[in-house]
Amino acid sequence: MVRLRNLQFCLGVTVGISATFTVLVMRWSWTSILDTGQESHFKRGSSNNSCPCSSVTDDYNIAQELFQKVRIVCWIMTSPTNLQSRAIHVKNTWTKRCNVVLFMSSVQNASFPTIGLNVSEGRSHLTAKTMKAFKYLYDNHLEDADWFLKADDDTYVIMENLRYLLSEENPKEAIYFGARFKAYVKQGYTSGGGGYVISKEALRRIGSEGFLDKRVCTVDGGPEDVQIGLCLQNLGVRLKPSLDVRGRTRFHCFKPEDVVTAKFPKWYYNFDFDHGKGGMDNISDYAISFHYVKGDTMYALEYYIYHLRPYGIPNRAQNVNVQT
């Protein structure tokens, strides 16, 4: 009888420990999925099937719905020397929320991975790099998304806010959005570093028509953002404003602290389409992008945006899109 009781006791302890271990492993695994939200990389980039949820206390239903509805391919311009100093931080942070992410470089790197565009590095060849990237997207990913975001390896993007902006736009129209400059191009053009997003129809026009006539699109040389702006204008792609309903900025070509304090260089006031707005009151609550963001700042932004919450102050969604 004593032996039977001892056996029952040992069996109960074993089952209890096993059950506890299983629950802990399952909880850890689910938390890991929520924290990363990213599948393994394919040869042509990485693809996400669901919106990564960094904080289990938040309601991600709207973000999840927009993740499925507003599909975005993110392509990041980088270089072999920047992979471990810059691109790795982009890979570890905000690009987890892209539907598909691709890193474009001059040469292929299978382990990172990057797409090799077979172009020379350097500012004088940025136009060629961008045009070849668009051609690659047209040839391989046109049907994978509705919108195509270009960003640098020191750009930080809040993807949920970008999807919100695009949620009421039609990707079948030839349009694009970004931080607008007003010089050189009649309709304006966008800052390359602040990130810009083009519609599927815009990409279709670049891929099918942009390489036929150098008078329409320059395929190499010149300031990249200006040349891409001229190309899109010549292809009939319209640059649309991205200010929110209160006239506040969403795309930014400077780092967050400079935008918040309106610490801009003098040239910016002559170029910015929206009169060099800065300061806390002029930045949208649903800001989309910032430029010149260092790696450690990217991780800080991840914490501030997706984890830090003031207790007792619920966050209610606002409707700040301009109705057109």
Protein backbone atom coordinates (compact mmCIF):
# COMPACT_ATOMS: atom_id res chain seq x y z
CA MET A 1 0.00 0.00 0.00
CA VAL A 2 2.83 2.36 0.88
CA ARG A 3 4.58 1.50 -2.35
CA LEU A 4 1.41 2.24 -4.30
CA ARG A 5 1.04 5.65 -2.64
CA ASN A 6 4.70 6.47 -3.33
CA LEU A 7 4.25 5.44 -6.94
CA GLN A 8 1.14 7.60 -7.27
CA PHE A 9 2.97 10.53 -5.67
CA CYS A 10 5.95 10.22 -8.02
CA LEU A 11 3.66 9.89 -11.01
CA GLY A 12 1.74 13.01 -9.99
CA VAL A 13 4.93 15.05 -9.56
CA THR A 14 6.20 13.89 -12.96
CA VAL A 15 2.95 14.79 -14.72
CA GLY A 16 2.83 18.17 -12.98
CA ILE A 17 6.38 19.08 -13.94
CA SER A 18 5.81 17.96 -17.53
CA ALA A 19 2.59 19.97 -17.82
CA THR A 20 4.22 23.09 -16.35
CA PHE A 21 7.20 22.77 -18.68
CA THR A 22 4.90 22.36 -21.70
CA VAL A 23 2.89 25.46 -20.79
CA LEU A 24 6.03 27.53 -20.29
CA VAL A 25 7.50 26.41 -23.60
CA MET A 26 4.26 27.16 -25.44
CA ARG A 27 4.04 30.58 -23.80
CA TRP A 28 7.68 31.35 -24.64
CA SER A 29 7.20 30.19 -28.23
CA TRP A 30 4.08 32.32 -28.71
CA THR A 31 5.78 35.36 -27.19
CA SER A 32 8.72 34.84 -29.54
CA ILE A 33 6.38 34.74 -32.53
CA LEU A 34 4.69 37.93 -31.39
CA ASP A 35 8.02 39.65 -30.85
CA THR A 36 9.59 38.69 -34.18
CA GLY A 37 6.69 38.27 -36.56
CA GLN A 38 9.10 37.37 -39.34
CA GLU A 39 9.50 34.17 -41.27
CA SER A 40 12.76 32.82 -42.59
CA HIS A 41 14.16 34.60 -45.62
CA PHE A 42 13.44 33.39 -49.10
CA LYS A 43 16.01 33.72 -51.88
CA ARG A 44 14.21 36.84 -53.07
CA GLY A 45 13.60 38.34 -49.66
CA SER A 46 11.41 37.67 -46.68
CA SER A 47 7.64 37.47 -46.53
CA ASN A 48 5.32 37.90 -43.57
CA ASN A 49 1.88 36.31 -43.35
CA SER A 50 0.60 38.25 -40.36
CA CYS A 51 1.10 41.51 -38.53
CA PRO A 52 3.77 41.08 -35.80
CA CYS A 53 2.34 42.11 -32.44
CA SER A 54 5.00 43.42 -30.08
CA SER A 55 2.77 44.02 -27.07
CA VAL A 56 0.15 41.43 -26.14
CA THR A 57 -1.87 43.99 -24.14
CA ASP A 58 -2.76 46.05 -27.22
CA ASP A 59 -5.63 45.42 -29.64
CA TYR A 60 -4.07 44.65 -33.02
CA ASN A 61 -7.30 43.90 -34.87
CA ILE A 62 -7.23 47.06 -37.01
CA ALA A 63 -3.50 46.75 -37.72
CA GLN A 64 -3.97 43.09 -38.66
CA GLU A 65 -6.84 43.96 -40.98
CA LEU A 66 -4.78 46.66 -42.72
CA PHE A 67 -1.79 44.30 -42.93
CA GLN A 68 -3.90 41.96 -45.06
CA LYS A 69 -5.69 44.71 -46.99
CA VAL A 70 -2.83 47.12 -47.75
CA ARG A 71 0.02 44.92 -48.97
CA ILE A 72 3.42 46.61 -49.11
CA VAL A 73 6.74 45.44 -50.49
CA CYS A 74 9.55 47.29 -48.70
CA TRP A 75 12.84 47.54 -50.53
CA ILE A 76 15.84 48.91 -48.69
CA MET A 77 18.76 50.50 -50.53
CA THR A 78 22.00 49.38 -48.92
CA SER A 79 25.59 48.47 -49.78
CA PRO A 80 28.07 45.72 -48.82
CA THR A 81 29.84 47.99 -46.31
CA ASN A 82 26.57 48.95 -44.58
CA LEU A 83 25.06 45.54 -43.94
CA GLN A 84 26.31 45.11 -40.36
CA SER A 85 26.50 48.80 -39.43
CA ARG A 86 23.10 49.90 -40.76
CA ALA A 87 20.97 47.38 -42.64
CA ILE A 88 21.00 44.81 -39.85
CA HIS A 89 19.16 47.25 -37.56
CA VAL A 90 16.52 47.93 -40.21
CA LYS A 91 16.14 44.18 -40.65
CA ASN A 92 15.70 43.67 -36.89
CA THR A 93 13.15 46.44 -36.36
CA TRP A 94 10.51 48.05 -38.55
CA THR A 95 10.79 45.88 -41.69
CA LYS A 96 9.28 43.00 -39.68
CA ARG A 97 5.97 44.74 -40.39
CA CYS A 98 6.35 44.76 -44.18
CA ASN A 99 4.47 42.13 -46.17
CA VAL A 100 7.66 41.48 -48.14
CA VAL A 101 11.09 42.98 -47.47
CA LEU A 102 14.02 43.07 -49.89
CA PHE A 103 17.49 44.52 -49.37
CA MET A 104 18.99 45.85 -52.61
CA SER A 105 22.76 46.11 -52.93
CA SER A 106 25.37 46.23 -55.67
CA VAL A 107 26.29 42.59 -55.12
CA GLN A 108 24.39 39.58 -53.83
CA ASN A 109 24.86 38.39 -50.27
CA ALA A 110 23.16 35.05 -49.76
CA SER A 111 23.45 35.00 -45.97
CA PHE A 112 21.98 38.44 -45.17
CA PRO A 113 20.37 38.20 -47.80
CA THR A 114 20.64 40.98 -50.40
CA ILE A 115 19.66 41.23 -54.04
CA GLY A 116 22.68 41.97 -56.25
CA LEU A 117 21.82 44.65 -58.82
CA ASN A 118 25.22 44.59 -60.55
CA VAL A 119 25.79 48.35 -60.32
CA SER A 120 28.69 50.45 -59.10
CA GLU A 121 28.43 51.91 -55.60
CA GLY A 122 28.58 55.66 -54.97
CA ARG A 123 26.25 58.66 -55.08
CA SER A 124 26.77 59.13 -58.82
CA HIS A 125 25.19 55.72 -59.44
CA LEU A 126 22.20 55.93 -57.08
CA THR A 127 19.84 56.58 -59.98
CA ALA A 128 20.98 53.38 -61.71
CA LYS A 129 20.63 51.47 -58.45
CA THR A 130 17.08 52.71 -57.91
CA MET A 131 15.99 52.11 -61.49
CA LYS A 132 17.40 48.57 -61.48
CA ALA A 133 15.67 47.92 -58.17
CA PHE A 134 12.35 49.01 -59.64
CA LYS A 135 12.95 46.82 -62.69
CA TYR A 136 13.66 43.87 -60.39
CA LEU A 137 10.44 44.53 -58.49
CA TYR A 138 8.49 44.79 -61.74
CA ASP A 139 9.92 41.51 -63.04
CA ASN A 140 9.61 39.52 -59.80
CA HIS A 141 7.17 41.09 -57.33
CA LEU A 142 4.55 43.12 -59.21
CA GLU A 143 1.73 40.84 -58.07
CA ASP A 144 3.00 40.41 -54.51
CA ALA A 145 1.72 43.76 -53.26
CA ASP A 146 -0.32 46.86 -54.01
CA TRP A 147 2.32 49.38 -52.92
CA PHE A 148 6.11 49.50 -53.07
CA LEU A 149 8.10 51.42 -50.45
CA LYS A 150 11.66 52.60 -51.06
CA ALA A 151 13.74 53.44 -47.99
CA ASP A 152 17.40 53.83 -47.12
CA ASP A 153 19.29 51.73 -44.59
CA ASP A 154 19.05 54.60 -42.09
CA THR A 155 15.32 55.24 -42.56
CA TYR A 156 12.77 54.30 -39.89
CA VAL A 157 9.16 53.72 -40.94
CA ILE A 158 6.02 53.18 -38.87
CA MET A 159 4.31 50.73 -41.19
CA GLU A 160 0.90 50.86 -39.49
CA ASN A 161 0.70 54.60 -40.15
CA LEU A 162 1.77 54.14 -43.77
CA ARG A 163 -0.96 51.55 -44.29
CA TYR A 164 -3.48 53.91 -42.73
CA LEU A 165 -2.53 56.66 -45.21
CA LEU A 166 -2.79 54.23 -48.13
CA SER A 167 -5.97 52.52 -46.92
CA GLU A 168 -8.19 55.02 -48.73
CA GLU A 169 -6.03 55.24 -51.87
CA ASN A 170 -6.31 53.19 -55.06
CA PRO A 171 -3.15 51.29 -56.12
CA LYS A 172 -4.57 51.07 -59.65
CA GLU A 173 -3.99 54.81 -59.97
CA ALA A 174 -0.53 56.08 -60.94
CA ILE A 175 0.33 57.88 -57.69
CA TYR A 176 3.04 58.13 -55.04
CA PHE A 177 3.69 59.72 -51.65
CA GLY A 178 6.68 60.96 -49.67
CA ALA A 179 8.39 64.01 -48.17
CA ARG A 180 7.82 66.54 -50.95
CA PHE A 181 10.39 68.93 -52.39
CA LYS A 182 9.41 71.70 -54.80
CA ALA A 183 12.57 72.45 -56.83
CA TYR A 184 13.57 71.11 -60.27
CA VAL A 185 10.39 69.11 -60.96
CA LYS A 186 7.13 70.86 -61.84
CA GLN A 187 4.89 68.72 -59.63
CA GLY A 188 7.63 68.30 -57.04
CA TYR A 189 9.55 65.20 -56.08
CA THR A 190 10.22 63.21 -52.93
CA SER A 191 13.24 62.97 -50.67
CA GLY A 192 14.88 59.61 -51.22
CA GLY A 193 16.04 59.27 -47.62
CA GLY A 194 12.66 60.07 -46.10
CA GLY A 195 11.19 57.12 -47.95
CA TYR A 196 8.55 57.16 -50.64
CA VAL A 197 5.86 54.72 -51.67
CA ILE A 198 4.59 54.14 -55.22
CA SER A 199 1.44 52.38 -56.36
CA LYS A 200 1.36 49.16 -58.35
CA GLU A 201 0.35 51.13 -61.45
CA ALA A 202 3.32 53.47 -60.96
CA LEU A 203 5.67 50.48 -60.76
CA ARG A 204 4.07 48.97 -63.85
CA ARG A 205 4.76 52.16 -65.80
CA ILE A 206 8.39 52.30 -64.64
CA GLY A 207 8.99 48.66 -65.53
CA SER A 208 7.22 48.67 -68.89
CA GLU A 209 7.97 52.20 -70.13
CA GLY A 210 10.75 53.69 -68.03
CA PHE A 211 13.62 52.05 -69.89
CA LEU A 212 12.44 52.72 -73.45
CA ASP A 213 13.43 56.37 -73.83
CA LYS A 214 16.19 58.19 -71.92
CA ARG A 215 14.29 61.44 -72.46
CA VAL A 216 11.51 60.03 -70.30
CA CYS A 217 13.59 58.37 -67.58
CA THR A 218 17.31 58.72 -66.88
CA VAL A 219 18.67 55.29 -66.03
CA ASP A 220 21.97 56.47 -64.51
CA GLY A 221 23.58 59.68 -63.29
CA GLY A 222 22.27 62.88 -61.75
CA PRO A 223 20.72 63.38 -58.30
CA GLU A 224 18.73 60.21 -57.69
CA ASP A 225 15.67 61.71 -56.02
CA VAL A 226 15.35 64.44 -58.69
CA GLN A 227 15.79 61.97 -61.56
CA ILE A 228 13.22 59.57 -60.13
CA GLY A 229 10.84 62.50 -59.65
CA LEU A 230 11.28 63.57 -63.28
CA CYS A 231 10.83 59.99 -64.45
CA LEU A 232 7.59 59.55 -62.53
CA GLN A 233 6.26 62.90 -63.73
CA ASN A 234 7.07 62.02 -67.35
CA LEU A 235 5.26 58.70 -66.92
CA GLY A 236 2.17 60.48 -65.65
CA VAL A 237 2.57 59.37 -62.04
CA ARG A 238 1.07 61.97 -59.73
CA LEU A 239 2.76 63.06 -56.51
CA LYS A 240 0.01 63.40 -53.93
CA PRO A 241 0.22 65.38 -50.68
CA SER A 242 0.60 63.38 -47.49
CA LEU A 243 -0.17 65.99 -44.82
CA ASP A 244 -2.89 64.95 -42.41
CA VAL A 245 -6.24 66.72 -42.06
CA ARG A 246 -4.68 69.27 -39.69
CA GLY A 247 -1.84 70.07 -42.09
CA ARG A 248 0.77 68.14 -40.09
CA THR A 249 3.68 66.29 -41.69
CA ARG A 250 3.97 62.50 -41.97
CA PHE A 251 7.08 61.79 -44.07
CA HIS A 252 10.32 63.32 -42.75
CA CYS A 253 13.79 63.48 -44.28
CA PHE A 254 15.52 64.24 -40.96
CA LYS A 255 15.95 62.40 -37.68
CA PRO A 256 13.14 62.60 -35.10
CA GLU A 257 14.84 64.98 -32.68
CA ASP A 258 15.56 67.49 -35.46
CA VAL A 259 11.97 67.37 -36.69
CA VAL A 260 10.54 67.77 -33.19
CA THR A 261 12.77 70.79 -32.49
CA ALA A 262 12.53 72.19 -36.06
CA LYS A 263 16.31 72.03 -36.32
CA PHE A 264 16.57 72.19 -40.11
CA PRO A 265 19.43 73.37 -42.37
CA LYS A 266 18.79 76.64 -44.23
CA TRP A 267 18.50 75.00 -47.66
CA TYR A 268 15.54 72.96 -46.49
CA TYR A 269 13.22 75.96 -46.26
CA ASN A 270 13.77 76.67 -49.97
CA PHE A 271 13.12 73.07 -50.98
CA ASP A 272 10.35 71.79 -48.73
CA PHE A 273 6.96 71.77 -50.43
CA ASP A 274 5.19 72.29 -47.11
CA HIS A 275 7.14 75.38 -45.97
CA GLY A 276 9.64 73.70 -43.67
CA LYS A 277 7.22 72.75 -40.96
CA GLY A 278 8.65 71.36 -37.77
CA GLY A 279 8.04 71.30 -34.06
CA MET A 280 5.77 69.08 -31.99
CA ASP A 281 2.53 70.73 -33.11
CA ASN A 282 3.34 70.30 -36.80
CA ILE A 283 4.09 66.56 -36.74
CA SER A 284 1.18 64.21 -37.29
CA ASP A 285 0.22 61.85 -34.49
CA TYR A 286 0.44 59.25 -37.25
CA ALA A 287 3.89 60.17 -38.56
CA ILE A 288 5.27 57.68 -41.07
CA SER A 289 9.02 58.08 -41.56
CA PHE A 290 12.26 59.62 -40.33
CA HIS A 291 15.74 59.67 -41.88
CA TYR A 292 19.34 59.59 -40.56
CA VAL A 293 18.28 57.22 -37.78
CA LYS A 294 21.18 55.36 -36.16
CA GLY A 295 20.93 51.72 -35.15
CA ASP A 296 20.57 52.28 -31.40
CA THR A 297 17.87 54.89 -32.04
CA MET A 298 15.92 52.37 -34.13
CA TYR A 299 15.69 50.03 -31.16
CA ALA A 300 14.72 52.94 -28.92
CA LEU A 301 11.94 53.88 -31.35
CA GLU A 302 10.73 50.27 -31.32
CA TYR A 303 10.36 50.53 -27.54
CA TYR A 304 8.76 53.98 -27.52
CA ILE A 305 6.23 53.15 -30.25
CA TYR A 306 5.36 49.52 -29.57
CA HIS A 307 5.97 48.97 -25.85
CA LEU A 308 5.96 52.18 -23.78
CA ARG A 309 2.47 53.12 -22.55
CA PRO A 310 1.37 55.80 -20.06
CA TYR A 311 -0.79 54.03 -17.49
CA GLY A 312 -4.43 55.09 -17.41
CA ILE A 313 -4.42 56.88 -20.77
CA PRO A 314 -6.04 54.69 -23.45
CA ASN A 315 -4.99 55.25 -27.04
CA ARG A 316 -7.99 55.95 -29.27
CA ALA A 317 -7.72 55.86 -33.05
CA GLN A 318 -8.13 59.19 -34.85
CA ASN A 319 -9.29 59.84 -38.39
CA VAL A 320 -6.69 62.27 -39.77
CA ASN A 321 -6.65 61.31 -43.46
CA VAL A 322 -7.64 64.08 -45.87
CA GLN A 323 -10.81 63.11 -47.72
CA THR A 324 -10.43 63.54 -51.50
